[in-house]
PDB file of N, CA and C in Angstrom:
ATOM      1  N   MET A   1       0.378  -1.052   0.066  1.00  0.00           N
ATOM      2  CA  MET A   1      -0.336   0.371   0.049  1.00  0.00           C
ATOM      3  C   MET A   1       0.719   1.496   0.058  1.00  0.00           C
ATOM      4  N   ASN A   2       0.445   2.162  -0.892  1.00  0.00           N
ATOM      5  CA  ASN A   2       1.567   3.423  -0.728  1.00  0.00           C
ATOM      6  C   ASN A   2       0.959   4.660  -0.121  1.00  0.00           C
ATOM      7  N   LYS A   3       2.086   5.087   0.663  1.00  0.00           N
ATOM      8  CA  LYS A   3       1.841   6.062   1.666  1.00  0.00           C
ATOM      9  C   LYS A   3       1.530   7.359   1.240  1.00  0.00           C
ATOM     10  N   ASN A   4       0.627   8.301   1.748  1.00  0.00           N
ATOM     11  CA  ASN A   4       0.552   9.661   1.749  1.00  0.00           C
ATOM     12  C   ASN A   4       1.992  10.417   1.914  1.00  0.00           C
ATOM     13  N   LYS A   5       2.169  11.551   0.922  1.00  0.00           N
ATOM     14  CA  LYS A   5       3.426  11.985   0.749  1.00  0.00           C
ATOM     15  C   LYS A   5       2.808  13.474   1.599  1.00  0.00           C
ATOM     16  N   HIS A   6       4.007  13.272   2.767  1.00  0.00           N
ATOM     17  CA  HIS A   6       3.828  14.698   3.591  1.00  0.00           C
ATOM     18  C   HIS A   6       4.372  15.979   3.178  1.00  0.00           C
ATOM     19  N   VAL A   7       4.592  17.127   2.986  1.00  0.00           N
ATOM     20  CA  VAL A   7       5.149  18.045   3.027  1.00  0.00           C
ATOM     21  C   VAL A   7       5.384  18.522   4.022  1.00  0.00           C
ATOM     22  N   VAL A   8       6.554  18.932   4.890  1.00  0.00           N
ATOM     23  CA  VAL A   8       6.846  19.573   6.044  1.00  0.00           C
ATOM     24  C   VAL A   8       8.535  20.142   6.456  1.00  0.00           C
ATOM     25  N   PRO A   9       7.999  21.230   7.295  1.00  0.00           N
ATOM     26  CA  PRO A   9       9.395  21.793   7.500  1.00  0.00           C
ATOM     27  C   PRO A   9      10.467  20.935   8.437  1.00  0.00           C
ATOM     28  N   ASN A  10      11.675  21.474   7.808  1.00  0.00           N
ATOM     29  CA  ASN A  10      12.567  20.699   8.668  1.00  0.00           C
ATOM     30  C   ASN A  10      13.453  21.361   8.953  1.00  0.00           C
ATOM     31  N   LYS A  11      14.232  20.378  10.423  1.00  0.00           N
ATOM     32  CA  LYS A  11      15.292  21.174  11.738  1.00  0.00           C
ATOM     33  C   LYS A  11      16.511  22.929  10.958  1.00  0.00           C
ATOM     34  N   ASN A  12      16.476  22.411   9.690  1.00  0.00           N
ATOM     35  CA  ASN A  12      17.915  22.931   8.623  1.00  0.00           C
ATOM     36  C   ASN A  12      17.424  24.117   8.177  1.00  0.00           C
ATOM     37  N   GLY A  13      15.827  24.239   8.261  1.00  0.00           N
ATOM     38  CA  GLY A  13      15.378  25.790   7.978  1.00  0.00           C
ATOM     39  C   GLY A  13      14.340  25.252   6.777  1.00  0.00           C
ATOM     40  N   GLY A  14      14.741  24.422   5.246  1.00  0.00           N
ATOM     41  CA  GLY A  14      14.441  24.031   4.355  1.00  0.00           C
ATOM     42  C   GLY A  14      12.999  22.667   4.331  1.00  0.00           C
ATOM     43  N   TRP A  15      12.932  22.051   3.395  1.00  0.00           N
ATOM     44  CA  TRP A  15      11.414  21.577   3.700  1.00  0.00           C
ATOM     45  C   TRP A  15      12.029  20.180   3.283  1.00  0.00           C
ATOM     46  N   SER A  16      10.792  19.441   4.191  1.00  0.00           N
ATOM     47  CA  SER A  16      10.925  17.943   3.339  1.00  0.00           C
ATOM     48  C   SER A  16       9.616  17.123   3.194  1.00  0.00           C
ATOM     49  N   VAL A  17      10.023  16.127   2.083  1.00  0.00           N
ATOM     50  CA  VAL A  17       9.270  15.106   1.720  1.00  0.00           C
ATOM     51  C   VAL A  17       8.996  13.914   2.634  1.00  0.00           C
ATOM     52  N   LYS A  18       7.980  13.651   3.267  1.00  0.00           N
ATOM     53  CA  LYS A  18       7.960  12.930   3.954  1.00  0.00           C
ATOM     54  C   LYS A  18       6.891  11.302   3.518  1.00  0.00           C
ATOM     55  N   SER A  19       7.179   9.663   3.300  1.00  0.00           N
ATOM     56  CA  SER A  19       6.318   9.152   2.985  1.00  0.00           C
ATOM     57  C   SER A  19       6.607   8.182   3.934  1.00  0.00           C
ATOM     58  N   GLY A  20       5.404   7.473   5.256  1.00  0.00           N
ATOM     59  CA  GLY A  20       5.184   6.490   6.056  1.00  0.00           C
ATOM     60  C   GLY A  20       6.443   6.823   6.771  1.00  0.00           C
ATOM     61  N   GLY A  21       6.874   7.774   6.854  1.00  0.00           N
ATOM     62  CA  GLY A  21       7.527   8.779   8.546  1.00  0.00           C
ATOM     63  C   GLY A  21       9.101   8.759   7.965  1.00  0.00           C
ATOM     64  N   HIS A  22       9.550   7.885   7.063  1.00  0.00           N
ATOM     65  CA  HIS A  22      10.703   8.789   6.103  1.00  0.00           C
ATOM     66  C   HIS A  22      11.002   9.373   5.455  1.00  0.00           C
ATOM     67  N   GLU A  23      12.044  10.482   5.639  1.00  0.00           N
ATOM     68  CA  GLU A  23      11.861  11.236   4.368  1.00  0.00           C
ATOM     69  C   GLU A  23      12.427  10.349   3.106  1.00  0.00           C
ATOM     70  N   ILE A  24      12.015  11.576   2.360  1.00  0.00           N
ATOM     71  CA  ILE A  24      12.537  10.838   0.831  1.00  0.00           C
ATOM     72  C   ILE A  24      12.833  12.267   0.147  1.00  0.00           C
ATOM     73  N   ALA A  25      12.642  12.982   0.705  1.00  0.00           N
ATOM     74  CA  ALA A  25      13.619  14.142  -0.545  1.00  0.00           C
ATOM     75  C   ALA A  25      13.171  15.167   0.492  1.00  0.00           C
ATOM     76  N   ARG A  26      14.710  15.992  -0.152  1.00  0.00           N
ATOM     77  CA  ARG A  26      14.322  17.275   0.745  1.00  0.00           C
ATOM     78  C   ARG A  26      15.260  18.577   0.231  1.00  0.00           C
ATOM     79  N   GLN A  27      14.011  19.799  -0.214  1.00  0.00           N
ATOM     80  CA  GLN A  27      14.029  20.655  -0.648  1.00  0.00           C
ATOM     81  C   GLN A  27      14.756  22.172   0.027  1.00  0.00           C
ATOM     82  N   ARG A  28      15.064  23.146  -0.724  1.00  0.00           N
ATOM     83  CA  ARG A  28      15.204  24.437   0.190  1.00  0.00           C
ATOM     84  C   ARG A  28      14.122  25.386   0.342  1.00  0.00           C
ATOM     85  N   THR A  29      12.666  25.299  -0.485  1.00  0.00           N
ATOM     86  CA  THR A  29      11.634  26.123  -0.680  1.00  0.00           C
ATOM     87  C   THR A  29      10.681  24.768  -0.318  1.00  0.00           C
ATOM     88  N   GLN A  30       9.340  25.331   0.026  1.00  0.00           N
ATOM     89  CA  GLN A  30       8.281  24.981   0.500  1.00  0.00           C
ATOM     90  C   GLN A  30       7.636  24.397  -1.171  1.00  0.00           C
ATOM     91  N   LYS A  31       8.200  25.897  -2.140  1.00  0.00           N
ATOM     92  CA  LYS A  31       7.551  25.507  -3.507  1.00  0.00           C
ATOM     93  C   LYS A  31       7.832  24.378  -4.002  1.00  0.00           C
ATOM     94  N   ASP A  32       9.335  24.020  -3.753  1.00  0.00           N
ATOM     95  CA  ASP A  32       9.522  22.868  -4.660  1.00  0.00           C
ATOM     96  C   ASP A  32       9.950  22.146  -4.389  1.00  0.00           C
ATOM     97  N   ALA A  33       9.566  21.842  -2.512  1.00  0.00           N
ATOM     98  CA  ALA A  33       8.945  20.258  -2.140  1.00  0.00           C
ATOM     99  C   ALA A  33       7.664  19.883  -2.450  1.00  0.00           C
ATOM    100  N   ILE A  34       6.522  20.943  -2.688  1.00  0.00           N
ATOM    101  CA  ILE A  34       5.096  20.623  -2.602  1.00  0.00           C
ATOM    102  C   ILE A  34       5.741  20.041  -4.339  1.00  0.00           C
ATOM    103  N   GLN A  35       5.923  20.632  -5.324  1.00  0.00           N
ATOM    104  CA  GLN A  35       6.515  19.556  -6.413  1.00  0.00           C
ATOM    105  C   GLN A  35       7.269  18.764  -6.673  1.00  0.00           C
ATOM    106  N   THR A  36       8.140  18.395  -6.322  1.00  0.00           N
ATOM    107  CA  THR A  36       8.408  17.154  -5.749  1.00  0.00           C
ATOM    108  C   THR A  36       7.078  16.104  -5.450  1.00  0.00           C
ATOM    109  N   ALA A  37       6.321  16.469  -4.033  1.00  0.00           N
ATOM    110  CA  ALA A  37       5.965  15.657  -4.125  1.00  0.00           C
ATOM    111  C   ALA A  37       4.667  15.203  -4.636  1.00  0.00           C
ATOM    112  N   ASN A  38       4.614  16.415  -5.129  1.00  0.00           N
ATOM    113  CA  ASN A  38       3.076  16.327  -6.253  1.00  0.00           C
ATOM    114  C   ASN A  38       3.593  15.191  -7.077  1.00  0.00           C
ATOM    115  N   HIS A  39       4.592  15.103  -7.705  1.00  0.00           N
ATOM    116  CA  HIS A  39       5.309  14.305  -8.947  1.00  0.00           C
ATOM    117  C   HIS A  39       5.165  13.120  -8.015  1.00  0.00           C
ATOM    118  N   ILE A  40       5.687  12.478  -6.996  1.00  0.00           N
ATOM    119  CA  ILE A  40       5.997  11.492  -6.627  1.00  0.00           C
ATOM    120  C   ILE A  40       4.529  10.416  -6.229  1.00  0.00           C
ATOM    121  N   ALA A  41       3.394  11.593  -6.045  1.00  0.00           N
ATOM    122  CA  ALA A  41       2.011  11.269  -5.671  1.00  0.00           C
ATOM    123  C   ALA A  41       1.378  10.247  -6.654  1.00  0.00           C
ATOM    124  N   LYS A  42       1.629  11.400  -8.011  1.00  0.00           N
ATOM    125  CA  LYS A  42       1.284  11.265  -9.411  1.00  0.00           C
ATOM    126  C   LYS A  42       1.345   9.832  -9.797  1.00  0.00           C
ATOM    127  N   VAL A  43       2.603   9.545  -9.563  1.00  0.00           N
ATOM    128  CA  VAL A  43       3.141   8.134  -9.914  1.00  0.00           C
ATOM    129  C   VAL A  43       2.757   7.263  -9.196  1.00  0.00           C
ATOM    130  N   ASP A  44       2.707   7.129  -7.617  1.00  0.00           N
ATOM    131  CA  ASP A  44       2.098   6.457  -6.808  1.00  0.00           C
ATOM    132  C   ASP A  44       0.511   6.717  -6.521  1.00  0.00           C
ATOM    133  N   ARG A  45      -0.089   7.910  -7.470  1.00  0.00           N
ATOM    134  CA  ARG A  45      -1.847   7.533  -6.935  1.00  0.00           C
ATOM    135  C   ARG A  45      -1.639   7.573  -5.502  1.00  0.00           C
ATOM    136  N   THR A  46      -1.295   8.598  -5.056  1.00  0.00           N
ATOM    137  CA  THR A  46      -1.580   9.075  -3.457  1.00  0.00           C
ATOM    138  C   THR A  46      -2.054  10.485  -3.535  1.00  0.00           C
ATOM    139  N   GLU A  47      -2.186  10.537  -1.694  1.00  0.00           N
ATOM    140  CA  GLU A  47      -2.385  12.303  -1.981  1.00  0.00           C
ATOM    141  C   GLU A  47      -1.129  13.016  -1.389  1.00  0.00           C
ATOM    142  N   VAL A  48      -0.912  13.911  -1.395  1.00  0.00           N
ATOM    143  CA  VAL A  48      -0.436  15.307  -0.831  1.00  0.00           C
ATOM    144  C   VAL A  48      -0.503  16.069   0.494  1.00  0.00           C
ATOM    145  N   VAL A  49      -0.245  15.684   1.135  1.00  0.00           N
ATOM    146  CA  VAL A  49      -0.763  16.594   2.801  1.00  0.00           C
ATOM    147  C   VAL A  49       0.518  17.474   2.884  1.00  0.00           C
ATOM    148  N   ILE A  50      -0.114  18.863   2.850  1.00  0.00           N
ATOM    149  CA  ILE A  50       1.181  20.151   2.588  1.00  0.00           C
ATOM    150  C   ILE A  50       1.094  20.801   4.488  1.00  0.00           C
ATOM    151  N   HIS A  51       1.651  21.248   5.564  1.00  0.00           N
ATOM    152  CA  HIS A  51       1.875  21.248   6.248  1.00  0.00           C
ATOM    153  C   HIS A  51       2.675  22.790   6.175  1.00  0.00           C
ATOM    154  N   GLY A  52       2.201  23.588   7.447  1.00  0.00           N
ATOM    155  CA  GLY A  52       3.177  24.661   7.180  1.00  0.00           C
ATOM    156  C   GLY A  52       4.154  25.046   8.168  1.00  0.00           C
ATOM    157  N   ARG A  53       4.715  25.978   8.788  1.00  0.00           N
ATOM    158  CA  ARG A  53       5.630  25.909   9.750  1.00  0.00           C
ATOM    159  C   ARG A  53       5.222  25.645  11.509  1.00  0.00           C
ATOM    160  N   ASP A  54       4.183  25.547  11.493  1.00  0.00           N
ATOM    161  CA  ASP A  54       3.732  25.027  12.364  1.00  0.00           C
ATOM    162  C   ASP A  54       3.681  23.722  12.711  1.00  0.00           C
ATOM    163  N   GLY A  55       3.117  23.484  11.557  1.00  0.00           N
ATOM    164  CA  GLY A  55       3.163  21.793  11.397  1.00  0.00           C
ATOM    165  C   GLY A  55       1.627  21.504  11.175  1.00  0.00           C
ATOM    166  N   LYS A  56       0.800  22.432  10.952  1.00  0.00           N
ATOM    167  CA  LYS A  56      -0.496  22.161  10.732  1.00  0.00           C
ATOM    168  C   LYS A  56      -0.988  22.434   9.353  1.00  0.00           C
ATOM    169  N   ILE A  57      -1.822  21.357   9.196  1.00  0.00           N
ATOM    170  CA  ILE A  57      -2.223  20.999   7.817  1.00  0.00           C
ATOM    171  C   ILE A  57      -2.688  22.097   7.344  1.00  0.00           C
ATOM    172  N   ARG A  58      -2.251  22.613   5.991  1.00  0.00           N
ATOM    173  CA  ARG A  58      -2.650  23.982   5.432  1.00  0.00           C
ATOM    174  C   ARG A  58      -3.450  23.591   3.910  1.00  0.00           C
ATOM    175  N   ASP A  59      -2.964  22.061   3.590  1.00  0.00           N
ATOM    176  CA  ASP A  59      -3.504  21.458   2.053  1.00  0.00           C
ATOM    177  C   ASP A  59      -3.548  20.820   1.989  1.00  0.00           C
ATOM    178  N   LYS A  60      -4.046  19.801   1.083  1.00  0.00           N
ATOM    179  CA  LYS A  60      -4.287  18.346   0.558  1.00  0.00           C
ATOM    180  C   LYS A  60      -4.213  18.433  -1.247  1.00  0.00           C
ATOM    181  N   ASN A  61      -3.762  17.445  -1.820  1.00  0.00           N
ATOM    182  CA  ASN A  61      -3.993  17.534  -3.012  1.00  0.00           C
ATOM    183  C   ASN A  61      -3.686  15.940  -2.934  1.00  0.00           C
ATOM    184  N   SER A  62      -4.688  15.286  -4.008  1.00  0.00           N
ATOM    185  CA  SER A  62      -5.487  14.132  -4.452  1.00  0.00           C
ATOM    186  C   SER A  62      -4.804  13.597  -5.625  1.00  0.00           C
ATOM    187  N   PHE A  63      -3.925  12.467  -5.800  1.00  0.00           N
ATOM    188  CA  PHE A  63      -3.615  11.523  -6.950  1.00  0.00           C
ATOM    189  C   PHE A  63      -4.524  10.713  -6.737  1.00  0.00           C
ATOM    190  N   GLY A  64      -5.121  10.003  -6.141  1.00  0.00           N
ATOM    191  CA  GLY A  64      -5.075   8.571  -6.022  1.00  0.00           C
ATOM    192  C   GLY A  64      -6.787   8.244  -6.589  1.00  0.00           C
ATOM    193  N   ASN A  65      -7.492   7.188  -5.734  1.00  0.00           N
ATOM    194  CA  ASN A  65      -8.704   7.164  -6.019  1.00  0.00           C
ATOM    195  C   ASN A  65      -9.815   8.084  -4.839  1.00  0.00           C
ATOM    196  N   ASP A  66      -9.770   9.368  -5.448  1.00  0.00           N
ATOM    197  CA  ASP A  66     -10.921  10.514  -4.421  1.00  0.00           C
ATOM    198  C   ASP A  66     -12.019  10.078  -4.149  1.00  0.00           C
ATOM    199  N   PRO A  67     -12.148   9.370  -2.707  1.00  0.00           N
ATOM    200  CA  PRO A  67     -13.816   8.971  -2.411  1.00  0.00           C
ATOM    201  C   PRO A  67     -14.317   9.855  -2.978  1.00  0.00           C
ATOM    202  N   PHE A  68     -14.296  11.192  -2.648  1.00  0.00           N
ATOM    203  CA  PHE A  68     -15.218  12.518  -2.798  1.00  0.00           C
ATOM    204  C   PHE A  68     -14.566  13.374  -4.141  1.00  0.00           C
ATOM    205  N   PRO A  69     -14.599  12.589  -5.143  1.00  0.00           N
ATOM    206  CA  PRO A  69     -14.208  13.334  -6.726  1.00  0.00           C
ATOM    207  C   PRO A  69     -15.210  14.615  -7.236  1.00  0.00           C
ATOM    208  N   PRO A  70     -14.118  15.813  -7.865  1.00  0.00           N
ATOM    209  CA  PRO A  70     -15.641  16.900  -7.621  1.00  0.00           C
ATOM    210  C   PRO A  70     -16.622  16.500  -9.234  1.00  0.00           C
ATOM    211  N   LYS A  71     -17.441  17.452  -8.868  1.00  0.00           N
ATOM    212  CA  LYS A  71     -18.280  16.775 -10.102  1.00  0.00           C
ATOM    213  C   LYS A  71     -18.254  17.930 -10.821  1.00  0.00           C
ATOM    214  N   GLY A  72     -18.694  17.887 -12.220  1.00  0.00           N
ATOM    215  CA  GLY A  72     -18.632  18.526 -13.284  1.00  0.00           C
ATOM    216  C   GLY A  72     -18.444  18.053 -14.528  1.00  0.00           C
TER     217      GLY A  72
END
């Protein structure tokens, strides 16, 4: 089973992409980390969970089987 990708701040002032509690990528900016996480999540068909500097979830992007897909 594929794990969601989380974009979180790291202790060095940059941003990490984590999956299953393991760091799988490190970027200088949150924007770059989100792009990396989105690319990986598209391949894995999982969700990206974006955290702010305070650790709180601020956004999500789904690239898998969305139980509530947009209508239209």
